[in-house]
Amino acid sequence: MNARHIDDRPDDGYTPTTTHAEWGAGNPLLRITRDDERSEFALEADVVRIGSADGNELRLPDTDPVHATITHD
C-alpha cells in the first residue's frame, strides 16, 4: 500500500469537494481509517481494486480478496 500517514489531520471540520470536476482535475484520494491508523491513497489509475489479493492497486490485509473496485469514468 502506497498510502500517506495522516494522523495529524483532524476528523472535525472536513468538507468534501465536488466529484464533478473536469477530467484530470483535482487530487482524488481515499481516506483509510483502521483502529488508530489513518492514511490516504491517491486515486491515480482509472481502475483501483481494493482488497487483500495480490495485484490489487490498494492492498488491505484481513479483507476480501477484492472488497471493492473504483472506476473513474
C-alpha atoms as a PDB file:
ATOM      1  CA  MET A   1       0.000   0.000   0.000  1.00  0.00           C
ATOM      2  CA  ASN A   2       1.461   3.359  -1.019  1.00  0.00           C
ATOM      3  CA  ALA A   3      -0.601   5.381   1.431  1.00  0.00           C
ATOM      4  CA  ARG A   4       0.466   8.509   3.259  1.00  0.00           C
ATOM      5  CA  HIS A   5       0.076   8.602   7.057  1.00  0.00           C
ATOM      6  CA  ILE A   6      -2.283  11.411   8.114  1.00  0.00           C
ATOM      7  CA  ASP A   7      -2.604  11.174  11.915  1.00  0.00           C
ATOM      8  CA  ASP A   8      -2.183  14.931  12.149  1.00  0.00           C
ATOM      9  CA  ARG A   9      -5.411  15.693  10.219  1.00  0.00           C
ATOM     10  CA  PRO A  10      -8.484  16.482  12.337  1.00  0.00           C
ATOM     11  CA  ASP A  11     -11.684  14.477  11.895  1.00  0.00           C
ATOM     12  CA  ASP A  12     -13.886  17.523  12.515  1.00  0.00           C
ATOM     13  CA  GLY A  13     -14.301  20.301  10.007  1.00  0.00           C
ATOM     14  CA  TYR A  14     -13.562  18.281   6.849  1.00  0.00           C
ATOM     15  CA  THR A  15     -15.802  19.235   3.927  1.00  0.00           C
ATOM     16  CA  PRO A  16     -15.522  17.040   0.806  1.00  0.00           C
ATOM     17  CA  THR A  17     -15.428  18.773  -2.552  1.00  0.00           C
ATOM     18  CA  THR A  18     -17.421  18.026  -5.690  1.00  0.00           C
ATOM     19  CA  THR A  19     -16.801  14.957  -7.831  1.00  0.00           C
ATOM     20  CA  HIS A  20     -17.921  16.775 -10.979  1.00  0.00           C
ATOM     21  CA  ALA A  21     -14.598  18.324 -11.963  1.00  0.00           C
ATOM     22  CA  GLU A  22     -13.027  18.324 -15.411  1.00  0.00           C
ATOM     23  CA  TRP A  23     -11.149  15.163 -16.475  1.00  0.00           C
ATOM     24  CA  GLY A  24      -7.755  15.077 -14.736  1.00  0.00           C
ATOM     25  CA  ALA A  25      -8.591  17.907 -12.341  1.00  0.00           C
ATOM     26  CA  GLY A  26      -8.040  17.759  -8.620  1.00  0.00           C
ATOM     27  CA  ASN A  27      -6.348  15.138  -6.480  1.00  0.00           C
ATOM     28  CA  PRO A  28      -8.891  12.392  -5.703  1.00  0.00           C
ATOM     29  CA  LEU A  29      -7.957  10.151  -2.803  1.00  0.00           C
ATOM     30  CA  LEU A  30      -9.322   7.698  -0.284  1.00  0.00           C
ATOM     31  CA  ARG A  31      -9.042   8.310   3.446  1.00  0.00           C
ATOM     32  CA  ILE A  32      -8.420   4.969   5.148  1.00  0.00           C
ATOM     33  CA  THR A  33      -9.073   4.517   8.870  1.00  0.00           C
ATOM     34  CA  ARG A  34      -8.473   1.316  10.798  1.00  0.00           C
ATOM     35  CA  ASP A  35      -8.222   1.194  14.591  1.00  0.00           C
ATOM     36  CA  ASP A  36      -5.832   4.057  15.404  1.00  0.00           C
ATOM     37  CA  GLU A  37      -4.217   4.154  11.944  1.00  0.00           C
ATOM     38  CA  ARG A  38      -5.173   6.702   9.300  1.00  0.00           C
ATOM     39  CA  SER A  39      -3.747   7.087   5.826  1.00  0.00           C
ATOM     40  CA  GLU A  40      -4.542   8.383   2.349  1.00  0.00           C
ATOM     41  CA  PHE A  41      -4.345   6.596  -1.005  1.00  0.00           C
ATOM     42  CA  ALA A  42      -4.184   8.684  -4.183  1.00  0.00           C
ATOM     43  CA  LEU A  43      -6.611   7.572  -6.924  1.00  0.00           C
ATOM     44  CA  GLU A  44      -4.289   7.937  -9.900  1.00  0.00           C
ATOM     45  CA  ALA A  45      -5.452   4.985 -12.053  1.00  0.00           C
ATOM     46  CA  ASP A  46      -8.724   4.676 -13.981  1.00  0.00           C
ATOM     47  CA  VAL A  47      -9.484   1.431 -12.091  1.00  0.00           C
ATOM     48  CA  VAL A  48      -8.462   0.775  -8.476  1.00  0.00           C
ATOM     49  CA  ARG A  49      -9.155  -2.628  -6.924  1.00  0.00           C
ATOM     50  CA  ILE A  50      -9.184  -2.734  -3.131  1.00  0.00           C
ATOM     51  CA  GLY A  51      -8.711  -5.894  -1.096  1.00  0.00           C
ATOM     52  CA  SER A  52      -6.222  -8.462   0.154  1.00  0.00           C
ATOM     53  CA  ALA A  53      -5.395 -10.186  -3.176  1.00  0.00           C
ATOM     54  CA  ASP A  54      -2.035  -9.850  -4.909  1.00  0.00           C
ATOM     55  CA  GLY A  55      -2.312  -7.483  -7.853  1.00  0.00           C
ATOM     56  CA  ASN A  56      -4.810  -5.092  -6.253  1.00  0.00           C
ATOM     57  CA  GLU A  57      -3.803  -1.450  -6.527  1.00  0.00           C
ATOM     58  CA  LEU A  58      -4.671  -0.962  -2.829  1.00  0.00           C
ATOM     59  CA  ARG A  59      -3.926  -3.995  -0.667  1.00  0.00           C
ATOM     60  CA  LEU A  60      -5.615  -4.151   2.733  1.00  0.00           C
ATOM     61  CA  PRO A  61      -4.911  -7.184   4.926  1.00  0.00           C
ATOM     62  CA  ASP A  62      -7.826  -9.064   6.510  1.00  0.00           C
ATOM     63  CA  THR A  63     -10.331  -8.014   3.828  1.00  0.00           C
ATOM     64  CA  ASP A  64     -11.987  -9.937   0.985  1.00  0.00           C
ATOM     65  CA  PRO A  65      -9.643 -10.670  -1.943  1.00  0.00           C
ATOM     66  CA  VAL A  66     -11.458  -7.931  -3.917  1.00  0.00           C
ATOM     67  CA  HIS A  67     -13.535  -5.905  -1.487  1.00  0.00           C
ATOM     68  CA  ALA A  68     -14.318  -3.021  -3.855  1.00  0.00           C
ATOM     69  CA  THR A  69     -13.462  -1.565  -7.253  1.00  0.00           C
ATOM     70  CA  ILE A  70     -13.374   2.151  -8.040  1.00  0.00           C
ATOM     71  CA  THR A  71     -13.738   3.077 -11.714  1.00  0.00           C
ATOM     72  CA  HIS A  72     -13.105   6.590 -12.976  1.00  0.00           C
ATOM     73  CA  ASP A  73     -15.420   7.032 -15.914  1.00  0.00           C
END
